[in-house]
Amino acid sequence: MLTWLAHGLAVVLNLLIVIVGLRFFLQPQAAAAGYGVPAREASASAYLTIKGLRDLVSGLIGFALLVFAADEAEAWFMLVVALTPLGDTVIVLRNGGTKAVAFGVHFATAVLVLVCSGLLFAL
């Protein structure tokens, strides 16, 4: 049961971050607004693409670790990658985003990633 839960949560989290990354490629302005800090300048597209690439690669690395490495490797990855949504929380707060998005989306994601890491370490 614990194995199914840990792996299932890891798959869902990796898939969601891949989708977020792809959204930054396909709908950068809408994705930025959903992130919590709308991009108001056309020159921001490079940064939105960087954000999309960061998220896409993170999700793909997570999948690669799930498929080709041990649970402990995925657990360490999740532990370290939790820094990303924690950093996103600070970025949103420092750039005029709402506390609801900062904590309800980014901080909650960090907590969920840490829970996943803990479950994977428990296997």
N, C-alpha and C. Protein backbone atom coordinates (compact mmCIF):
# COMPACT_ATOMS: atom_id res chain seq x y z
N MET A 1 0.82 -1.20 0.00
CA MET A 1 0.00 0.00 0.00
C MET A 1 0.86 1.26 0.00
N LEU A 2 1.89 1.30 0.88
CA LEU A 2 2.76 2.46 0.95
C LEU A 2 3.52 2.66 -0.36
N THR A 3 3.96 1.57 -0.97
CA THR A 3 4.68 1.66 -2.24
C THR A 3 3.79 2.27 -3.31
N TRP A 4 2.55 1.80 -3.39
CA TRP A 4 1.62 2.32 -4.38
C TRP A 4 1.37 3.82 -4.15
N LEU A 5 1.19 4.21 -2.91
CA LEU A 5 0.93 5.61 -2.58
C LEU A 5 2.13 6.49 -2.91
N ALA A 6 3.32 6.08 -2.50
CA ALA A 6 4.52 6.86 -2.75
C ALA A 6 4.79 7.00 -4.25
N HIS A 7 4.71 5.89 -4.97
CA HIS A 7 4.96 5.95 -6.41
C HIS A 7 3.86 6.70 -7.14
N GLY A 8 2.63 6.49 -6.73
CA GLY A 8 1.51 7.20 -7.35
C GLY A 8 1.61 8.69 -7.18
N LEU A 9 1.95 9.13 -5.97
CA LEU A 9 2.11 10.56 -5.71
C LEU A 9 3.28 11.12 -6.51
N ALA A 10 4.37 10.39 -6.60
CA ALA A 10 5.52 10.83 -7.38
C ALA A 10 5.16 10.97 -8.86
N VAL A 11 4.43 10.01 -9.39
CA VAL A 11 4.00 10.09 -10.80
C VAL A 11 3.12 11.32 -11.02
N VAL A 12 2.16 11.53 -10.14
CA VAL A 12 1.25 12.68 -10.28
C VAL A 12 2.04 13.99 -10.20
N LEU A 13 2.92 14.13 -9.24
CA LEU A 13 3.69 15.37 -9.10
C LEU A 13 4.59 15.60 -10.30
N ASN A 14 5.26 14.55 -10.77
CA ASN A 14 6.12 14.70 -11.95
C ASN A 14 5.29 15.06 -13.18
N LEU A 15 4.14 14.43 -13.34
CA LEU A 15 3.28 14.73 -14.49
C LEU A 15 2.77 16.16 -14.43
N LEU A 16 2.36 16.60 -13.26
CA LEU A 16 1.85 17.97 -13.13
C LEU A 16 2.92 19.01 -13.46
N ILE A 17 4.16 18.78 -13.03
CA ILE A 17 5.19 19.78 -13.32
C ILE A 17 5.57 19.74 -14.79
N VAL A 18 5.49 18.60 -15.44
CA VAL A 18 5.69 18.53 -16.89
C VAL A 18 4.61 19.35 -17.59
N ILE A 19 3.37 19.20 -17.15
CA ILE A 19 2.26 19.96 -17.74
C ILE A 19 2.45 21.46 -17.52
N VAL A 20 2.86 21.85 -16.33
CA VAL A 20 3.12 23.27 -16.06
C VAL A 20 4.21 23.78 -17.00
N GLY A 21 5.28 23.01 -17.15
CA GLY A 21 6.36 23.41 -18.06
C GLY A 21 5.88 23.58 -19.48
N LEU A 22 5.09 22.63 -19.96
CA LEU A 22 4.56 22.73 -21.32
C LEU A 22 3.64 23.93 -21.48
N ARG A 23 2.88 24.24 -20.44
CA ARG A 23 1.99 25.40 -20.50
C ARG A 23 2.78 26.69 -20.66
N PHE A 24 3.95 26.77 -20.01
CA PHE A 24 4.78 27.96 -20.16
C PHE A 24 5.33 28.08 -21.58
N PHE A 25 5.46 26.97 -22.29
CA PHE A 25 5.85 27.02 -23.70
C PHE A 25 4.69 27.41 -24.60
N LEU A 26 3.52 26.86 -24.32
CA LEU A 26 2.37 27.01 -25.22
C LEU A 26 1.51 28.23 -24.92
N GLN A 27 1.37 28.60 -23.66
CA GLN A 27 0.55 29.74 -23.25
C GLN A 27 1.30 30.53 -22.18
N PRO A 28 2.40 31.16 -22.54
CA PRO A 28 3.26 31.77 -21.53
C PRO A 28 2.58 32.86 -20.69
N GLN A 29 1.79 33.70 -21.29
CA GLN A 29 1.15 34.78 -20.53
C GLN A 29 0.14 34.22 -19.52
N ALA A 30 -0.67 33.28 -19.97
CA ALA A 30 -1.66 32.66 -19.08
C ALA A 30 -0.96 31.88 -17.97
N ALA A 31 0.12 31.19 -18.31
CA ALA A 31 0.86 30.42 -17.31
C ALA A 31 1.47 31.35 -16.27
N ALA A 32 2.00 32.48 -16.71
CA ALA A 32 2.59 33.44 -15.76
C ALA A 32 1.53 33.98 -14.81
N ALA A 33 0.35 34.27 -15.34
CA ALA A 33 -0.74 34.75 -14.49
C ALA A 33 -1.12 33.68 -13.47
N GLY A 34 -1.18 32.42 -13.90
CA GLY A 34 -1.49 31.33 -12.98
C GLY A 34 -0.40 31.10 -11.95
N TYR A 35 0.83 31.41 -12.32
CA TYR A 35 1.97 31.29 -11.40
C TYR A 35 1.83 32.27 -10.24
N GLY A 36 1.20 33.41 -10.53
CA GLY A 36 0.99 34.39 -9.49
C GLY A 36 1.64 35.73 -9.74
N VAL A 37 2.45 35.81 -10.81
CA VAL A 37 3.10 37.06 -11.18
C VAL A 37 2.93 37.23 -12.69
N PRO A 38 1.89 37.96 -13.11
CA PRO A 38 1.66 38.14 -14.55
C PRO A 38 2.85 38.81 -15.22
N ALA A 39 3.13 38.40 -16.45
CA ALA A 39 4.20 39.00 -17.26
C ALA A 39 3.59 40.14 -18.05
N ARG A 40 4.01 41.35 -17.74
CA ARG A 40 3.41 42.52 -18.36
C ARG A 40 4.17 43.00 -19.59
N GLU A 41 5.39 42.57 -19.76
CA GLU A 41 6.21 43.04 -20.86
C GLU A 41 6.45 41.92 -21.86
N ALA A 42 6.49 42.30 -23.15
CA ALA A 42 6.76 41.31 -24.19
C ALA A 42 8.14 40.70 -24.03
N SER A 43 9.08 41.46 -23.48
CA SER A 43 10.44 40.95 -23.30
C SER A 43 10.52 39.85 -22.25
N ALA A 44 9.46 39.64 -21.52
CA ALA A 44 9.45 38.59 -20.49
C ALA A 44 9.35 37.20 -21.09
N SER A 45 9.10 37.08 -22.37
CA SER A 45 8.89 35.75 -22.96
C SER A 45 10.10 34.84 -22.79
N ALA A 46 11.30 35.39 -22.83
CA ALA A 46 12.49 34.57 -22.62
C ALA A 46 12.49 33.96 -21.22
N TYR A 47 12.12 34.76 -20.23
CA TYR A 47 12.09 34.26 -18.86
C TYR A 47 10.98 33.23 -18.65
N LEU A 48 9.87 33.43 -19.33
CA LEU A 48 8.78 32.46 -19.24
C LEU A 48 9.20 31.14 -19.87
N THR A 49 9.95 31.22 -20.95
CA THR A 49 10.45 30.00 -21.59
C THR A 49 11.44 29.28 -20.69
N ILE A 50 12.29 30.05 -20.02
CA ILE A 50 13.23 29.46 -19.06
C ILE A 50 12.47 28.75 -17.95
N LYS A 51 11.43 29.38 -17.44
CA LYS A 51 10.59 28.77 -16.39
C LYS A 51 9.99 27.48 -16.90
N GLY A 52 9.48 27.50 -18.12
CA GLY A 52 8.89 26.30 -18.70
C GLY A 52 9.90 25.18 -18.84
N LEU A 53 11.09 25.53 -19.30
CA LEU A 53 12.14 24.53 -19.47
C LEU A 53 12.54 23.94 -18.13
N ARG A 54 12.69 24.79 -17.12
CA ARG A 54 13.05 24.33 -15.76
C ARG A 54 12.04 23.32 -15.25
N ASP A 55 10.76 23.64 -15.40
CA ASP A 55 9.72 22.75 -14.89
C ASP A 55 9.65 21.46 -15.70
N LEU A 56 9.72 21.57 -17.01
CA LEU A 56 9.67 20.39 -17.87
C LEU A 56 10.81 19.43 -17.54
N VAL A 57 12.01 19.96 -17.44
CA VAL A 57 13.17 19.11 -17.15
C VAL A 57 13.07 18.49 -15.76
N SER A 58 12.59 19.26 -14.79
CA SER A 58 12.43 18.70 -13.44
C SER A 58 11.50 17.50 -13.45
N GLY A 59 10.37 17.63 -14.13
CA GLY A 59 9.43 16.51 -14.21
C GLY A 59 10.00 15.30 -14.93
N LEU A 60 10.73 15.55 -16.01
CA LEU A 60 11.32 14.43 -16.76
C LEU A 60 12.42 13.73 -15.96
N ILE A 61 13.20 14.50 -15.21
CA ILE A 61 14.21 13.88 -14.34
C ILE A 61 13.51 13.01 -13.29
N GLY A 62 12.44 13.52 -12.72
CA GLY A 62 11.68 12.74 -11.75
C GLY A 62 11.19 11.43 -12.33
N PHE A 63 10.66 11.47 -13.55
CA PHE A 63 10.21 10.23 -14.20
C PHE A 63 11.39 9.29 -14.46
N ALA A 64 12.50 9.83 -14.92
CA ALA A 64 13.67 8.98 -15.20
C ALA A 64 14.14 8.29 -13.93
N LEU A 65 14.15 9.00 -12.82
CA LEU A 65 14.56 8.38 -11.56
C LEU A 65 13.58 7.30 -11.11
N LEU A 66 12.30 7.55 -11.31
CA LEU A 66 11.30 6.53 -10.95
C LEU A 66 11.48 5.25 -11.75
N VAL A 67 11.80 5.41 -13.02
CA VAL A 67 11.88 4.25 -13.91
C VAL A 67 13.23 3.54 -13.80
N PHE A 68 14.32 4.32 -13.72
CA PHE A 68 15.65 3.73 -13.86
C PHE A 68 16.49 3.69 -12.59
N ALA A 69 16.01 4.27 -11.50
CA ALA A 69 16.81 4.31 -10.27
C ALA A 69 15.99 3.77 -9.10
N ALA A 70 16.61 3.73 -7.97
CA ALA A 70 15.96 3.22 -6.76
C ALA A 70 15.05 4.29 -6.15
N ASP A 71 14.15 3.83 -5.30
CA ASP A 71 13.23 4.74 -4.62
C ASP A 71 13.99 5.82 -3.84
N GLU A 72 15.13 5.46 -3.29
CA GLU A 72 15.90 6.43 -2.51
C GLU A 72 16.38 7.59 -3.38
N ALA A 73 16.75 7.31 -4.63
CA ALA A 73 17.17 8.38 -5.54
C ALA A 73 16.02 9.35 -5.81
N GLU A 74 14.83 8.81 -6.03
CA GLU A 74 13.65 9.67 -6.24
C GLU A 74 13.33 10.44 -4.97
N ALA A 75 13.51 9.82 -3.81
CA ALA A 75 13.25 10.50 -2.55
C ALA A 75 14.19 11.69 -2.37
N TRP A 76 15.47 11.50 -2.66
CA TRP A 76 16.43 12.60 -2.56
C TRP A 76 16.11 13.70 -3.58
N PHE A 77 15.73 13.29 -4.77
CA PHE A 77 15.35 14.26 -5.80
C PHE A 77 14.17 15.10 -5.32
N MET A 78 13.15 14.46 -4.80
CA MET A 78 11.96 15.18 -4.32
C MET A 78 12.33 16.11 -3.16
N LEU A 79 13.20 15.65 -2.28
CA LEU A 79 13.61 16.49 -1.16
C LEU A 79 14.29 17.76 -1.66
N VAL A 80 15.20 17.60 -2.60
CA VAL A 80 15.92 18.76 -3.13
C VAL A 80 15.03 19.64 -4.00
N VAL A 81 14.21 19.02 -4.83
CA VAL A 81 13.38 19.79 -5.76
C VAL A 81 12.27 20.56 -5.03
N ALA A 82 12.00 20.23 -3.79
CA ALA A 82 11.03 21.00 -2.99
C ALA A 82 11.49 22.45 -2.81
N LEU A 83 12.78 22.70 -3.00
CA LEU A 83 13.28 24.07 -2.94
C LEU A 83 12.68 24.95 -4.03
N THR A 84 12.32 24.35 -5.16
CA THR A 84 11.75 25.14 -6.25
C THR A 84 10.42 25.77 -5.86
N PRO A 85 9.41 25.00 -5.42
CA PRO A 85 8.17 25.68 -5.04
C PRO A 85 8.32 26.56 -3.79
N LEU A 86 9.27 26.23 -2.91
CA LEU A 86 9.52 27.13 -1.78
C LEU A 86 10.05 28.47 -2.29
N GLY A 87 10.97 28.41 -3.23
CA GLY A 87 11.48 29.63 -3.86
C GLY A 87 10.40 30.37 -4.61
N ASP A 88 9.54 29.62 -5.29
CA ASP A 88 8.42 30.24 -6.01
C ASP A 88 7.50 30.98 -5.05
N THR A 89 7.32 30.46 -3.85
CA THR A 89 6.51 31.14 -2.84
C THR A 89 7.08 32.52 -2.55
N VAL A 90 8.37 32.57 -2.34
CA VAL A 90 9.04 33.85 -2.05
C VAL A 90 8.96 34.79 -3.25
N ILE A 91 9.18 34.25 -4.44
CA ILE A 91 9.14 35.08 -5.66
C ILE A 91 7.77 35.72 -5.82
N VAL A 92 6.72 34.94 -5.64
CA VAL A 92 5.36 35.49 -5.78
C VAL A 92 5.12 36.58 -4.74
N LEU A 93 5.49 36.33 -3.50
CA LEU A 93 5.28 37.32 -2.44
C LEU A 93 6.09 38.59 -2.67
N ARG A 94 7.32 38.46 -3.16
CA ARG A 94 8.18 39.63 -3.38
C ARG A 94 7.81 40.43 -4.61
N ASN A 95 6.97 39.86 -5.47
CA ASN A 95 6.64 40.54 -6.72
C ASN A 95 5.17 40.88 -6.85
N GLY A 96 4.51 41.07 -5.74
CA GLY A 96 3.15 41.57 -5.75
C GLY A 96 2.07 40.53 -5.95
N GLY A 97 2.42 39.26 -5.92
CA GLY A 97 1.40 38.22 -6.03
C GLY A 97 0.63 38.09 -4.74
N THR A 98 -0.47 37.40 -4.82
CA THR A 98 -1.32 37.25 -3.63
C THR A 98 -0.78 36.16 -2.70
N LYS A 99 -1.09 36.32 -1.44
CA LYS A 99 -0.72 35.29 -0.46
C LYS A 99 -1.46 34.00 -0.76
N ALA A 100 -2.66 34.10 -1.30
CA ALA A 100 -3.44 32.90 -1.62
C ALA A 100 -2.70 32.03 -2.63
N VAL A 101 -2.15 32.65 -3.67
CA VAL A 101 -1.41 31.88 -4.67
C VAL A 101 -0.07 31.42 -4.10
N ALA A 102 0.62 32.32 -3.41
CA ALA A 102 1.93 31.97 -2.86
C ALA A 102 1.85 30.76 -1.94
N PHE A 103 0.88 30.79 -1.03
CA PHE A 103 0.79 29.70 -0.06
C PHE A 103 -0.12 28.58 -0.54
N GLY A 104 -1.21 28.92 -1.20
CA GLY A 104 -2.18 27.92 -1.65
C GLY A 104 -1.70 27.08 -2.81
N VAL A 105 -0.81 27.64 -3.62
CA VAL A 105 -0.28 26.89 -4.76
C VAL A 105 1.15 26.45 -4.48
N HIS A 106 2.05 27.42 -4.34
CA HIS A 106 3.48 27.10 -4.28
C HIS A 106 3.91 26.45 -2.96
N PHE A 107 3.52 27.04 -1.84
CA PHE A 107 3.91 26.45 -0.56
C PHE A 107 3.24 25.09 -0.37
N ALA A 108 1.96 24.99 -0.75
CA ALA A 108 1.25 23.70 -0.64
C ALA A 108 1.93 22.65 -1.51
N THR A 109 2.40 23.05 -2.69
CA THR A 109 3.13 22.12 -3.55
C THR A 109 4.41 21.66 -2.87
N ALA A 110 5.14 22.58 -2.26
CA ALA A 110 6.38 22.21 -1.57
C ALA A 110 6.09 21.19 -0.46
N VAL A 111 5.04 21.42 0.29
CA VAL A 111 4.67 20.48 1.36
C VAL A 111 4.34 19.11 0.78
N LEU A 112 3.58 19.09 -0.31
CA LEU A 112 3.22 17.82 -0.94
C LEU A 112 4.45 17.09 -1.48
N VAL A 113 5.39 17.84 -2.06
CA VAL A 113 6.63 17.23 -2.55
C VAL A 113 7.43 16.66 -1.38
N LEU A 114 7.48 17.36 -0.26
CA LEU A 114 8.17 16.85 0.92
C LEU A 114 7.49 15.61 1.49
N VAL A 115 6.17 15.58 1.47
CA VAL A 115 5.45 14.38 1.90
C VAL A 115 5.80 13.21 1.00
N CYS A 116 5.83 13.46 -0.30
CA CYS A 116 6.20 12.41 -1.26
C CYS A 116 7.62 11.91 -0.97
N SER A 117 8.52 12.84 -0.72
CA SER A 117 9.89 12.46 -0.39
C SER A 117 9.92 11.56 0.84
N GLY A 118 9.20 11.95 1.87
CA GLY A 118 9.15 11.14 3.09
C GLY A 118 8.59 9.75 2.85
N LEU A 119 7.55 9.67 2.04
CA LEU A 119 6.98 8.36 1.71
C LEU A 119 7.98 7.49 0.97
N LEU A 120 8.70 8.10 0.03
CA LEU A 120 9.69 7.34 -0.74
C LEU A 120 10.84 6.89 0.16
N PHE A 121 11.27 7.73 1.09
CA PHE A 121 12.31 7.32 2.03
C PHE A 121 11.86 6.16 2.91
N ALA A 122 10.55 6.10 3.19
CA ALA A 122 10.01 5.05 4.06
C ALA A 122 9.95 3.68 3.39
N LEU A 123 10.09 3.66 2.07
CA LEU A 123 10.01 2.36 1.35
C LEU A 123 11.21 1.50 1.62
